[in-house]
Amino acid sequence: MNGVSNHIKALLGFCVTIFLFWLLFRKIDMMLFFDYLAESRLSYVAVGVLLYLSSFIVRGMRWRVLLLHLKKMPLSETTRLLVAGYAVNNVLPSRIGEFTRAYLAGMRNGISRTAALASIFVERVFDGLTVFLILAMLLFTYPFPGWVRNLAELAGLIFVSLFLFILFSSFSDLPIRMVRALGTKMPRRFGFPFELAEKFLSGTRAVESLPQLGVVLLLSFVVWAIEIGVYVLVAKAFGLVIPWTAYLLMLVTVNMGMLIPSTPGGLGVFQFAVVKSLEIFSVITTLGMAVSLVLHMAQIVPVTIIGLFWLWRNHISLAALDAQQGSGEDVKG
């Protein structure tokens, strides 16, 4: 059943990507597009790539903090697993990279894979909350069109609610006690979902104190500050002069857009989000498309190569990871 569902998601993502690229390319002057690419300054892009790769160290620090209630893991380990997970996300559909990270964390470090997956869920909620706070700040600084305000309302509804849930499950044992009590009243053959839910809730208890919460929030802002730096460098490579609000809007729309089904790596969605954000600041579609393509490749190509190489060195195949996710075994234990 999972396999059929994944195939449907992959097909839907492919259709979304094709449609978005069609919307973009019908407005593009191809000769001018290639001229923009040829005239871009690769030195800025190269620095942007290095800066983006450095963000994985900060992400590794944050995930390490979120895993402390399960096990104290070396920074090198959390960073390697992060890179591997991102690489898998860039080549396989259905965000299998998140399951890959949880599976490898459990297999290599002897922790519950379900709890590890829950810590990744918490990490994503902090990412979403940070993006929402940036978007909320933007609304006070620029007269954006209505769709940006709608995006802010959606982001707030989703990520503030999830953040409150994480705080509640972190500082109260009521959710786990409720699941445990329900599980004890069920026949043994129906107990597995409740056991899984209990392990997942234990993984969401990743923030055990206010200082730890502050550290995770701080590292989240550092991660996104680095990513904005990458956007600035790639824009400079094309000689693009835009206000800081444009970079922030690109960051927000790209990452909110990743909630939409698409092909691995977010092809199509990424480009559409960047182009439409830049159009608000009078950047023509052709130039916006060139910027979006180089920015996207700078973010996905190096990390994919590094991550896949690490998986190969450790004799972990993509086919095996895909099979693990499809069977559901990656979240057991």
C-alpha atoms as a PDB file:
ATOM      1  CA  MET A   1       0.000   0.000   0.000  1.00  0.00           C
ATOM      2  CA  ASN A   2       2.855   2.378   0.868  1.00  0.00           C
ATOM      3  CA  GLY A   3       4.468   1.606  -2.484  1.00  0.00           C
ATOM      4  CA  VAL A   4       1.288   2.531  -4.392  1.00  0.00           C
ATOM      5  CA  SER A   5       0.931   5.726  -2.349  1.00  0.00           C
ATOM      6  CA  ASN A   6       4.545   6.696  -3.066  1.00  0.00           C
ATOM      7  CA  HIS A   7       4.049   6.108  -6.802  1.00  0.00           C
ATOM      8  CA  ILE A   8       0.956   8.337  -6.764  1.00  0.00           C
ATOM      9  CA  LYS A   9       2.863  11.072  -4.900  1.00  0.00           C
ATOM     10  CA  ALA A  10       5.764  10.782  -7.359  1.00  0.00           C
ATOM     11  CA  LEU A  11       3.398  11.051 -10.340  1.00  0.00           C
ATOM     12  CA  LEU A  12       1.615  14.046  -8.810  1.00  0.00           C
ATOM     13  CA  GLY A  13       4.964  15.716  -8.105  1.00  0.00           C
ATOM     14  CA  PHE A  14       6.114  15.127 -11.677  1.00  0.00           C
ATOM     15  CA  CYS A  15       2.900  16.670 -13.042  1.00  0.00           C
ATOM     16  CA  VAL A  16       3.267  19.724 -10.763  1.00  0.00           C
ATOM     17  CA  THR A  17       6.887  20.208 -11.868  1.00  0.00           C
ATOM     18  CA  ILE A  18       6.042  19.964 -15.578  1.00  0.00           C
ATOM     19  CA  PHE A  19       3.145  22.412 -15.188  1.00  0.00           C
ATOM     20  CA  LEU A  20       5.228  25.001 -13.286  1.00  0.00           C
ATOM     21  CA  PHE A  21       8.091  24.805 -15.782  1.00  0.00           C
ATOM     22  CA  TRP A  22       5.579  25.244 -18.611  1.00  0.00           C
ATOM     23  CA  LEU A  23       4.207  28.384 -16.935  1.00  0.00           C
ATOM     24  CA  LEU A  24       7.726  29.789 -16.594  1.00  0.00           C
ATOM     25  CA  PHE A  25       9.322  28.851 -19.904  1.00  0.00           C
ATOM     26  CA  ARG A  26       6.497  30.224 -22.032  1.00  0.00           C
ATOM     27  CA  LYS A  27       7.528  33.720 -20.799  1.00  0.00           C
ATOM     28  CA  ILE A  28      11.273  33.287 -21.234  1.00  0.00           C
ATOM     29  CA  ASP A  29      13.562  34.651 -23.945  1.00  0.00           C
ATOM     30  CA  MET A  30      15.889  31.645 -24.325  1.00  0.00           C
ATOM     31  CA  MET A  31      18.743  33.556 -25.994  1.00  0.00           C
ATOM     32  CA  LEU A  32      18.713  36.143 -23.217  1.00  0.00           C
ATOM     33  CA  PHE A  33      18.451  33.348 -20.625  1.00  0.00           C
ATOM     34  CA  PHE A  34      21.672  31.722 -21.870  1.00  0.00           C
ATOM     35  CA  ASP A  35      23.363  35.135 -22.076  1.00  0.00           C
ATOM     36  CA  TYR A  36      22.585  35.708 -18.392  1.00  0.00           C
ATOM     37  CA  LEU A  37      24.041  32.303 -17.509  1.00  0.00           C
ATOM     38  CA  ALA A  38      27.187  32.905 -19.577  1.00  0.00           C
ATOM     39  CA  GLU A  39      27.796  36.329 -18.032  1.00  0.00           C
ATOM     40  CA  SER A  40      27.295  35.251 -14.404  1.00  0.00           C
ATOM     41  CA  ARG A  41      30.345  35.444 -12.131  1.00  0.00           C
ATOM     42  CA  LEU A  42      31.148  31.922 -10.962  1.00  0.00           C
ATOM     43  CA  SER A  43      33.388  33.130  -8.127  1.00  0.00           C
ATOM     44  CA  TYR A  44      30.316  34.397  -6.258  1.00  0.00           C
ATOM     45  CA  VAL A  45      28.531  31.101  -6.888  1.00  0.00           C
ATOM     46  CA  ALA A  46      31.527  29.120  -5.618  1.00  0.00           C
ATOM     47  CA  VAL A  47      31.596  31.113  -2.369  1.00  0.00           C
ATOM     48  CA  GLY A  48      27.846  30.602  -2.086  1.00  0.00           C
ATOM     49  CA  VAL A  49      28.300  26.836  -2.401  1.00  0.00           C
ATOM     50  CA  LEU A  50      30.894  26.800   0.390  1.00  0.00           C
ATOM     51  CA  LEU A  51      28.674  28.957   2.573  1.00  0.00           C
ATOM     52  CA  TYR A  52      25.704  26.652   1.991  1.00  0.00           C
ATOM     53  CA  LEU A  53      27.749  23.565   2.868  1.00  0.00           C
ATOM     54  CA  SER A  54      28.842  25.256   6.098  1.00  0.00           C
ATOM     55  CA  SER A  55      25.177  25.489   7.127  1.00  0.00           C
ATOM     56  CA  PHE A  56      25.141  21.704   7.574  1.00  0.00           C
ATOM     57  CA  ILE A  57      27.554  22.052  10.482  1.00  0.00           C
ATOM     58  CA  VAL A  58      25.069  24.391  12.178  1.00  0.00           C
ATOM     59  CA  ARG A  59      22.189  22.066  11.268  1.00  0.00           C
ATOM     60  CA  GLY A  60      24.209  19.196  12.714  1.00  0.00           C
ATOM     61  CA  MET A  61      24.692  21.141  15.955  1.00  0.00           C
ATOM     62  CA  ARG A  62      20.956  21.781  16.193  1.00  0.00           C
ATOM     63  CA  TRP A  63      19.977  18.169  15.509  1.00  0.00           C
ATOM     64  CA  ARG A  64      22.559  17.025  18.051  1.00  0.00           C
ATOM     65  CA  VAL A  65      20.818  19.194  20.672  1.00  0.00           C
ATOM     66  CA  LEU A  66      17.426  17.770  19.668  1.00  0.00           C
ATOM     67  CA  LEU A  67      18.765  14.216  20.086  1.00  0.00           C
ATOM     68  CA  LEU A  68      20.322  14.744  23.519  1.00  0.00           C
ATOM     69  CA  HIS A  69      17.330  13.187  25.300  1.00  0.00           C
ATOM     70  CA  LEU A  70      17.958  10.005  23.289  1.00  0.00           C
ATOM     71  CA  LYS A  71      21.756   9.901  23.070  1.00  0.00           C
ATOM     72  CA  LYS A  72      24.723  12.273  23.000  1.00  0.00           C
ATOM     73  CA  MET A  73      25.989  11.901  19.432  1.00  0.00           C
ATOM     74  CA  PRO A  74      29.167  13.415  17.936  1.00  0.00           C
ATOM     75  CA  LEU A  75      28.679  16.502  15.770  1.00  0.00           C
ATOM     76  CA  SER A  76      30.459  14.736  12.920  1.00  0.00           C
ATOM     77  CA  GLU A  77      27.851  11.947  13.029  1.00  0.00           C
ATOM     78  CA  THR A  78      24.780  14.199  12.997  1.00  0.00           C
ATOM     79  CA  THR A  79      26.278  16.324  10.208  1.00  0.00           C
ATOM     80  CA  ARG A  80      27.079  13.281   8.041  1.00  0.00           C
ATOM     81  CA  LEU A  81      23.586  11.877   8.484  1.00  0.00           C
ATOM     82  CA  LEU A  82      22.057  15.254   7.639  1.00  0.00           C
ATOM     83  CA  VAL A  83      24.029  15.494   4.402  1.00  0.00           C
ATOM     84  CA  ALA A  84      23.090  11.917   3.502  1.00  0.00           C
ATOM     85  CA  GLY A  85      19.416  12.630   4.169  1.00  0.00           C
ATOM     86  CA  TYR A  86      19.435  15.764   2.024  1.00  0.00           C
ATOM     87  CA  ALA A  87      21.190  13.871  -0.773  1.00  0.00           C
ATOM     88  CA  VAL A  88      18.532  11.153  -0.745  1.00  0.00           C
ATOM     89  CA  ASN A  89      15.773  13.776  -0.754  1.00  0.00           C
ATOM     90  CA  ASN A  90      17.336  15.244  -3.886  1.00  0.00           C
ATOM     91  CA  VAL A  91      17.253  11.985  -5.858  1.00  0.00           C
ATOM     92  CA  LEU A  92      14.311   9.975  -4.471  1.00  0.00           C
ATOM     93  CA  PRO A  93      10.647  11.052  -4.186  1.00  0.00           C
ATOM     94  CA  SER A  94       8.346  11.422  -1.163  1.00  0.00           C
ATOM     95  CA  ARG A  95      11.032  13.022   1.054  1.00  0.00           C
ATOM     96  CA  ILE A  96      12.549   9.619   1.746  1.00  0.00           C
ATOM     97  CA  GLY A  97      15.660  11.406   3.002  1.00  0.00           C
ATOM     98  CA  GLU A  98      13.940  12.145   6.325  1.00  0.00           C
ATOM     99  CA  PHE A  99      13.252   8.438   6.844  1.00  0.00           C
ATOM    100  CA  THR A 100      16.795   7.681   5.712  1.00  0.00           C
ATOM    101  CA  ARG A 101      18.229   9.934   8.398  1.00  0.00           C
ATOM    102  CA  ALA A 102      16.084   8.341  11.097  1.00  0.00           C
ATOM    103  CA  TYR A 103      16.871   4.833   9.866  1.00  0.00           C
ATOM    104  CA  LEU A 104      20.635   5.428   9.766  1.00  0.00           C
ATOM    105  CA  ALA A 105      20.614   7.215  13.138  1.00  0.00           C
ATOM    106  CA  GLY A 106      18.912   4.203  14.699  1.00  0.00           C
ATOM    107  CA  MET A 107      21.026   1.617  12.920  1.00  0.00           C
ATOM    108  CA  ARG A 108      24.382   3.308  13.626  1.00  0.00           C
ATOM    109  CA  ASN A 109      23.714   4.676  17.107  1.00  0.00           C
ATOM    110  CA  GLY A 110      21.320   2.245  18.761  1.00  0.00           C
ATOM    111  CA  ILE A 111      18.450   4.676  19.291  1.00  0.00           C
ATOM    112  CA  SER A 112      14.772   4.317  18.427  1.00  0.00           C
ATOM    113  CA  ARG A 113      14.286   5.090  14.755  1.00  0.00           C
ATOM    114  CA  THR A 114      10.776   6.324  15.464  1.00  0.00           C
ATOM    115  CA  ALA A 115      12.069   8.724  18.118  1.00  0.00           C
ATOM    116  CA  ALA A 116      14.828   9.872  15.728  1.00  0.00           C
ATOM    117  CA  LEU A 117      12.185  10.545  13.070  1.00  0.00           C
ATOM    118  CA  ALA A 118      10.214  12.561  15.620  1.00  0.00           C
ATOM    119  CA  SER A 119      13.314  14.679  16.345  1.00  0.00           C
ATOM    120  CA  ILE A 120      13.501  15.439  12.611  1.00  0.00           C
ATOM    121  CA  PHE A 121       9.838  16.447  12.737  1.00  0.00           C
ATOM    122  CA  VAL A 122      10.706  18.839  15.595  1.00  0.00           C
ATOM    123  CA  GLU A 123      13.622  20.201  13.568  1.00  0.00           C
ATOM    124  CA  ARG A 124      11.307  20.891  10.619  1.00  0.00           C
ATOM    125  CA  VAL A 125       8.814  22.641  12.880  1.00  0.00           C
ATOM    126  CA  PHE A 126      11.559  24.972  14.133  1.00  0.00           C
ATOM    127  CA  ASP A 127      12.533  25.644  10.513  1.00  0.00           C
ATOM    128  CA  GLY A 128       8.929  26.444   9.657  1.00  0.00           C
ATOM    129  CA  LEU A 129       8.501  28.634  12.727  1.00  0.00           C
ATOM    130  CA  THR A 130      11.638  30.612  11.841  1.00  0.00           C
ATOM    131  CA  VAL A 131      10.443  31.094   8.262  1.00  0.00           C
ATOM    132  CA  PHE A 132       7.037  32.247   9.550  1.00  0.00           C
ATOM    133  CA  LEU A 133       8.660  34.804  11.884  1.00  0.00           C
ATOM    134  CA  ILE A 134      10.696  36.154   8.951  1.00  0.00           C
ATOM    135  CA  LEU A 135       7.548  36.389   6.844  1.00  0.00           C
ATOM    136  CA  ALA A 136       5.612  38.118   9.632  1.00  0.00           C
ATOM    137  CA  MET A 137       8.418  40.677   9.916  1.00  0.00           C
ATOM    138  CA  LEU A 138       8.313  41.246   6.137  1.00  0.00           C
ATOM    139  CA  LEU A 139       4.637  42.206   6.221  1.00  0.00           C
ATOM    140  CA  PHE A 140       5.501  45.282   8.306  1.00  0.00           C
ATOM    141  CA  THR A 141       8.214  46.496   5.936  1.00  0.00           C
ATOM    142  CA  TYR A 142       6.788  46.280   2.406  1.00  0.00           C
ATOM    143  CA  PRO A 143       3.335  46.525   0.740  1.00  0.00           C
ATOM    144  CA  PHE A 144       3.217  42.962  -0.532  1.00  0.00           C
ATOM    145  CA  PRO A 145       0.329  41.609  -2.635  1.00  0.00           C
ATOM    146  CA  GLY A 146      -2.477  39.608  -1.048  1.00  0.00           C
ATOM    147  CA  TRP A 147      -0.982  36.172  -1.768  1.00  0.00           C
ATOM    148  CA  VAL A 148       1.970  36.961   0.494  1.00  0.00           C
ATOM    149  CA  ARG A 149      -0.375  37.769   3.380  1.00  0.00           C
ATOM    150  CA  ASN A 150      -2.316  34.569   2.692  1.00  0.00           C
ATOM    151  CA  LEU A 151       0.973  32.681   2.811  1.00  0.00           C
ATOM    152  CA  ALA A 152       1.770  34.253   6.181  1.00  0.00           C
ATOM    153  CA  GLU A 153      -1.616  33.241   7.586  1.00  0.00           C
ATOM    154  CA  LEU A 154      -1.165  29.656   6.384  1.00  0.00           C
ATOM    155  CA  ALA A 155       2.389  29.455   7.763  1.00  0.00           C
ATOM    156  CA  GLY A 156       1.275  30.860  11.105  1.00  0.00           C
ATOM    157  CA  LEU A 157      -1.621  28.434  11.411  1.00  0.00           C
ATOM    158  CA  ILE A 158       0.547  25.413  10.626  1.00  0.00           C
ATOM    159  CA  PHE A 159       3.815  26.110  12.390  1.00  0.00           C
ATOM    160  CA  VAL A 160       2.642  27.986  15.478  1.00  0.00           C
ATOM    161  CA  SER A 161       0.166  25.155  16.162  1.00  0.00           C
ATOM    162  CA  LEU A 162       2.883  22.523  15.733  1.00  0.00           C
ATOM    163  CA  PHE A 163       5.311  24.516  17.872  1.00  0.00           C
ATOM    164  CA  LEU A 164       2.750  24.710  20.693  1.00  0.00           C
ATOM    165  CA  PHE A 165       2.197  20.969  20.393  1.00  0.00           C
ATOM    166  CA  ILE A 166       5.948  20.345  20.727  1.00  0.00           C
ATOM    167  CA  LEU A 167       6.170  22.598  23.782  1.00  0.00           C
ATOM    168  CA  PHE A 168       3.213  20.806  25.372  1.00  0.00           C
ATOM    169  CA  SER A 169       4.625  17.326  24.717  1.00  0.00           C
ATOM    170  CA  SER A 170       8.108  18.435  25.879  1.00  0.00           C
ATOM    171  CA  PHE A 171       7.075  19.918  29.209  1.00  0.00           C
ATOM    172  CA  SER A 172       4.141  17.606  29.988  1.00  0.00           C
ATOM    173  CA  ASP A 173       3.923  13.827  30.051  1.00  0.00           C
ATOM    174  CA  LEU A 174       0.140  13.927  29.544  1.00  0.00           C
ATOM    175  CA  PRO A 175       0.218  12.997  25.805  1.00  0.00           C
ATOM    176  CA  ILE A 176       2.398   9.931  26.457  1.00  0.00           C
ATOM    177  CA  ARG A 177       0.285   8.887  29.429  1.00  0.00           C
ATOM    178  CA  MET A 178      -2.890   9.163  27.348  1.00  0.00           C
ATOM    179  CA  VAL A 179      -1.432   7.043  24.525  1.00  0.00           C
ATOM    180  CA  ARG A 180      -0.090   4.501  27.010  1.00  0.00           C
ATOM    181  CA  ALA A 181      -3.460   4.263  28.771  1.00  0.00           C
ATOM    182  CA  LEU A 182      -5.305   3.745  25.477  1.00  0.00           C
ATOM    183  CA  GLY A 183      -2.779   1.124  24.432  1.00  0.00           C
ATOM    184  CA  THR A 184      -3.263  -0.930  27.597  1.00  0.00           C
ATOM    185  CA  LYS A 185      -7.023  -1.109  26.951  1.00  0.00           C
ATOM    186  CA  MET A 186      -6.572  -2.504  23.447  1.00  0.00           C
ATOM    187  CA  PRO A 187      -6.062  -6.180  22.533  1.00  0.00           C
ATOM    188  CA  ARG A 188      -2.376  -7.058  22.201  1.00  0.00           C
ATOM    189  CA  ARG A 189      -2.637  -7.517  18.430  1.00  0.00           C
ATOM    190  CA  PHE A 190      -3.713  -3.854  18.123  1.00  0.00           C
ATOM    191  CA  GLY A 191      -0.987  -2.543  20.409  1.00  0.00           C
ATOM    192  CA  PHE A 192       1.677  -1.737  17.811  1.00  0.00           C
ATOM    193  CA  PRO A 193       0.250   1.646  16.641  1.00  0.00           C
ATOM    194  CA  PHE A 194       0.130   2.819  20.253  1.00  0.00           C
ATOM    195  CA  GLU A 195       3.703   1.659  20.879  1.00  0.00           C
ATOM    196  CA  LEU A 196       4.770   3.544  17.756  1.00  0.00           C
ATOM    197  CA  ALA A 197       2.879   6.671  18.861  1.00  0.00           C
ATOM    198  CA  GLU A 198       4.521   6.505  22.301  1.00  0.00           C
ATOM    199  CA  LYS A 199       7.999   6.279  20.747  1.00  0.00           C
ATOM    200  CA  PHE A 200       7.196   9.169  18.414  1.00  0.00           C
ATOM    201  CA  LEU A 201       5.964  11.330  21.289  1.00  0.00           C
ATOM    202  CA  SER A 202       9.123  10.523  23.242  1.00  0.00           C
ATOM    203  CA  GLY A 203      11.085  11.793  20.245  1.00  0.00           C
ATOM    204  CA  THR A 204       9.162  15.062  20.187  1.00  0.00           C
ATOM    205  CA  ARG A 205      10.248  15.701  23.791  1.00  0.00           C
ATOM    206  CA  ALA A 206      13.443  17.121  22.347  1.00  0.00           C
ATOM    207  CA  VAL A 207      13.278  20.471  24.136  1.00  0.00           C
ATOM    208  CA  GLU A 208      13.598  19.783  27.845  1.00  0.00           C
ATOM    209  CA  SER A 209      14.357  23.254  29.193  1.00  0.00           C
ATOM    210  CA  LEU A 210      14.035  26.929  28.294  1.00  0.00           C
ATOM    211  CA  PRO A 211      17.809  27.312  27.728  1.00  0.00           C
ATOM    212  CA  GLN A 212      17.694  24.367  25.313  1.00  0.00           C
ATOM    213  CA  LEU A 213      14.738  25.970  23.548  1.00  0.00           C
ATOM    214  CA  GLY A 214      16.739  29.179  23.210  1.00  0.00           C
ATOM    215  CA  VAL A 215      19.728  27.321  21.744  1.00  0.00           C
ATOM    216  CA  VAL A 216      17.569  25.557  19.149  1.00  0.00           C
ATOM    217  CA  LEU A 217      15.871  28.827  18.143  1.00  0.00           C
ATOM    218  CA  LEU A 218      19.222  30.609  17.895  1.00  0.00           C
ATOM    219  CA  LEU A 219      20.735  27.861  15.729  1.00  0.00           C
ATOM    220  CA  SER A 220      17.605  27.910  13.544  1.00  0.00           C
ATOM    221  CA  PHE A 221      18.055  31.620  12.872  1.00  0.00           C
ATOM    222  CA  VAL A 222      21.760  31.071  12.122  1.00  0.00           C
ATOM    223  CA  VAL A 223      20.850  28.350   9.594  1.00  0.00           C
ATOM    224  CA  TRP A 224      18.491  30.683   7.749  1.00  0.00           C
ATOM    225  CA  ALA A 225      20.870  33.645   7.978  1.00  0.00           C
ATOM    226  CA  ILE A 226      23.471  31.510   6.194  1.00  0.00           C
ATOM    227  CA  GLU A 227      20.923  30.529   3.543  1.00  0.00           C
ATOM    228  CA  ILE A 228      20.042  34.181   2.939  1.00  0.00           C
ATOM    229  CA  GLY A 229      23.771  34.791   2.475  1.00  0.00           C
ATOM    230  CA  VAL A 230      23.765  32.171  -0.292  1.00  0.00           C
ATOM    231  CA  TYR A 231      20.849  33.951  -1.993  1.00  0.00           C
ATOM    232  CA  VAL A 232      22.722  37.259  -1.830  1.00  0.00           C
ATOM    233  CA  LEU A 233      25.900  35.791  -3.333  1.00  0.00           C
ATOM    234  CA  VAL A 234      24.105  34.135  -6.249  1.00  0.00           C
ATOM    235  CA  ALA A 235      22.155  37.329  -6.944  1.00  0.00           C
ATOM    236  CA  LYS A 236      25.461  39.243  -6.946  1.00  0.00           C
ATOM    237  CA  ALA A 237      26.789  36.751  -9.495  1.00  0.00           C
ATOM    238  CA  PHE A 238      24.162  38.102 -11.900  1.00  0.00           C
ATOM    239  CA  GLY A 239      24.706  41.748 -10.922  1.00  0.00           C
ATOM    240  CA  LEU A 240      21.234  41.841  -9.416  1.00  0.00           C
ATOM    241  CA  VAL A 241      20.539  44.816  -7.144  1.00  0.00           C
ATOM    242  CA  ILE A 242      17.454  44.233  -4.987  1.00  0.00           C
ATOM    243  CA  PRO A 243      16.425  45.228  -1.434  1.00  0.00           C
ATOM    244  CA  TRP A 244      16.948  42.864   1.489  1.00  0.00           C
ATOM    245  CA  THR A 245      13.210  42.253   1.622  1.00  0.00           C
ATOM    246  CA  ALA A 246      13.472  40.512  -1.764  1.00  0.00           C
ATOM    247  CA  TYR A 247      15.959  37.974  -0.412  1.00  0.00           C
ATOM    248  CA  LEU A 248      13.781  37.293   2.607  1.00  0.00           C
ATOM    249  CA  LEU A 249      10.684  36.853   0.428  1.00  0.00           C
ATOM    250  CA  MET A 250      12.536  34.422  -1.848  1.00  0.00           C
ATOM    251  CA  LEU A 251      13.633  32.406   1.165  1.00  0.00           C
ATOM    252  CA  VAL A 252      10.124  32.245   2.587  1.00  0.00           C
ATOM    253  CA  THR A 253       8.297  31.404  -0.664  1.00  0.00           C
ATOM    254  CA  VAL A 254      10.821  28.725  -1.626  1.00  0.00           C
ATOM    255  CA  ASN A 255      10.565  26.944   1.702  1.00  0.00           C
ATOM    256  CA  MET A 256       6.782  27.251   1.945  1.00  0.00           C
ATOM    257  CA  GLY A 257       6.605  26.052  -1.649  1.00  0.00           C
ATOM    258  CA  MET A 258       8.406  22.861  -0.674  1.00  0.00           C
ATOM    259  CA  LEU A 259       5.175  21.793   1.052  1.00  0.00           C
ATOM    260  CA  ILE A 260       3.756  21.321  -2.475  1.00  0.00           C
ATOM    261  CA  PRO A 261       4.364  17.879  -4.060  1.00  0.00           C
ATOM    262  CA  SER A 262       7.085  18.003  -6.707  1.00  0.00           C
ATOM    263  CA  THR A 263       9.939  15.958  -8.097  1.00  0.00           C
ATOM    264  CA  PRO A 264      12.971  15.213  -5.875  1.00  0.00           C
ATOM    265  CA  GLY A 265      14.870  18.367  -4.979  1.00  0.00           C
ATOM    266  CA  GLY A 266      11.809  20.561  -5.506  1.00  0.00           C
ATOM    267  CA  LEU A 267      12.422  21.177  -9.208  1.00  0.00           C
ATOM    268  CA  GLY A 268       9.869  23.537 -10.650  1.00  0.00           C
ATOM    269  CA  VAL A 269       8.531  24.642  -7.271  1.00  0.00           C
ATOM    270  CA  PHE A 270      11.868  26.234  -6.362  1.00  0.00           C
ATOM    271  CA  GLN A 271      12.144  28.067  -9.697  1.00  0.00           C
ATOM    272  CA  PHE A 272       8.531  29.249  -9.638  1.00  0.00           C
ATOM    273  CA  ALA A 273       8.861  30.589  -6.084  1.00  0.00           C
ATOM    274  CA  VAL A 274      12.060  32.524  -6.852  1.00  0.00           C
ATOM    275  CA  VAL A 275      10.785  33.962 -10.141  1.00  0.00           C
ATOM    276  CA  LYS A 276       7.449  35.100  -8.692  1.00  0.00           C
ATOM    277  CA  SER A 277       9.184  36.653  -5.679  1.00  0.00           C
ATOM    278  CA  LEU A 278      11.594  38.589  -7.880  1.00  0.00           C
ATOM    279  CA  GLU A 279       8.802  39.766 -10.178  1.00  0.00           C
ATOM    280  CA  ILE A 280       7.392  41.758  -7.249  1.00  0.00           C
ATOM    281  CA  PHE A 281      10.644  43.735  -7.324  1.00  0.00           C
ATOM    282  CA  SER A 282      10.502  44.283 -11.118  1.00  0.00           C
ATOM    283  CA  VAL A 283      13.001  41.558 -12.067  1.00  0.00           C
ATOM    284  CA  ILE A 284      12.059  40.126 -15.481  1.00  0.00           C
ATOM    285  CA  THR A 285      11.115  36.442 -15.703  1.00  0.00           C
ATOM    286  CA  THR A 286      14.128  35.507 -17.850  1.00  0.00           C
ATOM    287  CA  LEU A 287      16.646  36.893 -15.355  1.00  0.00           C
ATOM    288  CA  GLY A 288      14.691  35.466 -12.426  1.00  0.00           C
ATOM    289  CA  MET A 289      14.753  32.033 -14.062  1.00  0.00           C
ATOM    290  CA  ALA A 290      18.533  32.199 -14.565  1.00  0.00           C
ATOM    291  CA  VAL A 291      19.046  33.214 -10.928  1.00  0.00           C
ATOM    292  CA  SER A 292      16.696  30.493  -9.663  1.00  0.00           C
ATOM    293  CA  LEU A 293      18.380  27.758 -11.697  1.00  0.00           C
ATOM    294  CA  VAL A 294      21.913  28.594 -10.539  1.00  0.00           C
ATOM    295  CA  LEU A 295      20.769  29.134  -6.937  1.00  0.00           C
ATOM    296  CA  HIS A 296      19.013  25.779  -6.905  1.00  0.00           C
ATOM    297  CA  MET A 297      21.932  23.890  -8.457  1.00  0.00           C
ATOM    298  CA  ALA A 298      24.324  25.530  -5.975  1.00  0.00           C
ATOM    299  CA  GLN A 299      22.217  24.127  -3.156  1.00  0.00           C
ATOM    300  CA  ILE A 300      21.447  20.621  -4.371  1.00  0.00           C
ATOM    301  CA  VAL A 301      24.329  19.436  -6.573  1.00  0.00           C
ATOM    302  CA  PRO A 302      27.313  19.627  -4.141  1.00  0.00           C
ATOM    303  CA  VAL A 303      25.423  18.228  -1.135  1.00  0.00           C
ATOM    304  CA  THR A 304      23.976  15.425  -3.282  1.00  0.00           C
ATOM    305  CA  ILE A 305      27.407  14.410  -4.558  1.00  0.00           C
ATOM    306  CA  ILE A 306      28.917  14.467  -1.051  1.00  0.00           C
ATOM    307  CA  GLY A 307      25.975  12.629   0.510  1.00  0.00           C
ATOM    308  CA  LEU A 308      25.795   9.908  -2.135  1.00  0.00           C
ATOM    309  CA  PHE A 309      29.561   9.408  -1.946  1.00  0.00           C
ATOM    310  CA  TRP A 310      29.315   8.929   1.839  1.00  0.00           C
ATOM    311  CA  LEU A 311      26.483   6.409   1.402  1.00  0.00           C
ATOM    312  CA  TRP A 312      28.526   4.540  -1.220  1.00  0.00           C
ATOM    313  CA  ARG A 313      31.599   4.490   1.048  1.00  0.00           C
ATOM    314  CA  ASN A 314      29.445   2.970   3.789  1.00  0.00           C
ATOM    315  CA  HIS A 315      27.900   0.369   1.429  1.00  0.00           C
ATOM    316  CA  ILE A 316      24.382   1.817   1.717  1.00  0.00           C
ATOM    317  CA  SER A 317      22.409   1.658  -1.513  1.00  0.00           C
ATOM    318  CA  LEU A 318      19.562   3.949  -2.565  1.00  0.00           C
ATOM    319  CA  ALA A 319      17.509   0.916  -3.589  1.00  0.00           C
ATOM    320  CA  ALA A 320      17.791  -0.521  -0.069  1.00  0.00           C
ATOM    321  CA  LEU A 321      16.783   2.801   1.496  1.00  0.00           C
ATOM    322  CA  ASP A 322      13.808   3.100  -0.847  1.00  0.00           C
ATOM    323  CA  ALA A 323      12.746  -0.459   0.009  1.00  0.00           C
ATOM    324  CA  GLN A 324      13.080   0.226   3.753  1.00  0.00           C
ATOM    325  CA  GLN A 325      10.850   3.297   3.475  1.00  0.00           C
ATOM    326  CA  GLY A 326       8.311   1.491   1.329  1.00  0.00           C
ATOM    327  CA  SER A 327       8.024  -1.411   3.775  1.00  0.00           C
ATOM    328  CA  GLY A 328       7.728   0.892   6.800  1.00  0.00           C
ATOM    329  CA  GLU A 329      10.633  -0.851   8.550  1.00  0.00           C
ATOM    330  CA  ASP A 330      12.583   2.368   8.771  1.00  0.00           C
ATOM    331  CA  VAL A 331      10.413   3.743  11.504  1.00  0.00           C
ATOM    332  CA  LYS A 332      10.137   0.663  13.639  1.00  0.00           C
ATOM    333  CA  GLY A 333      12.267   0.122  16.688  1.00  0.00           C
END
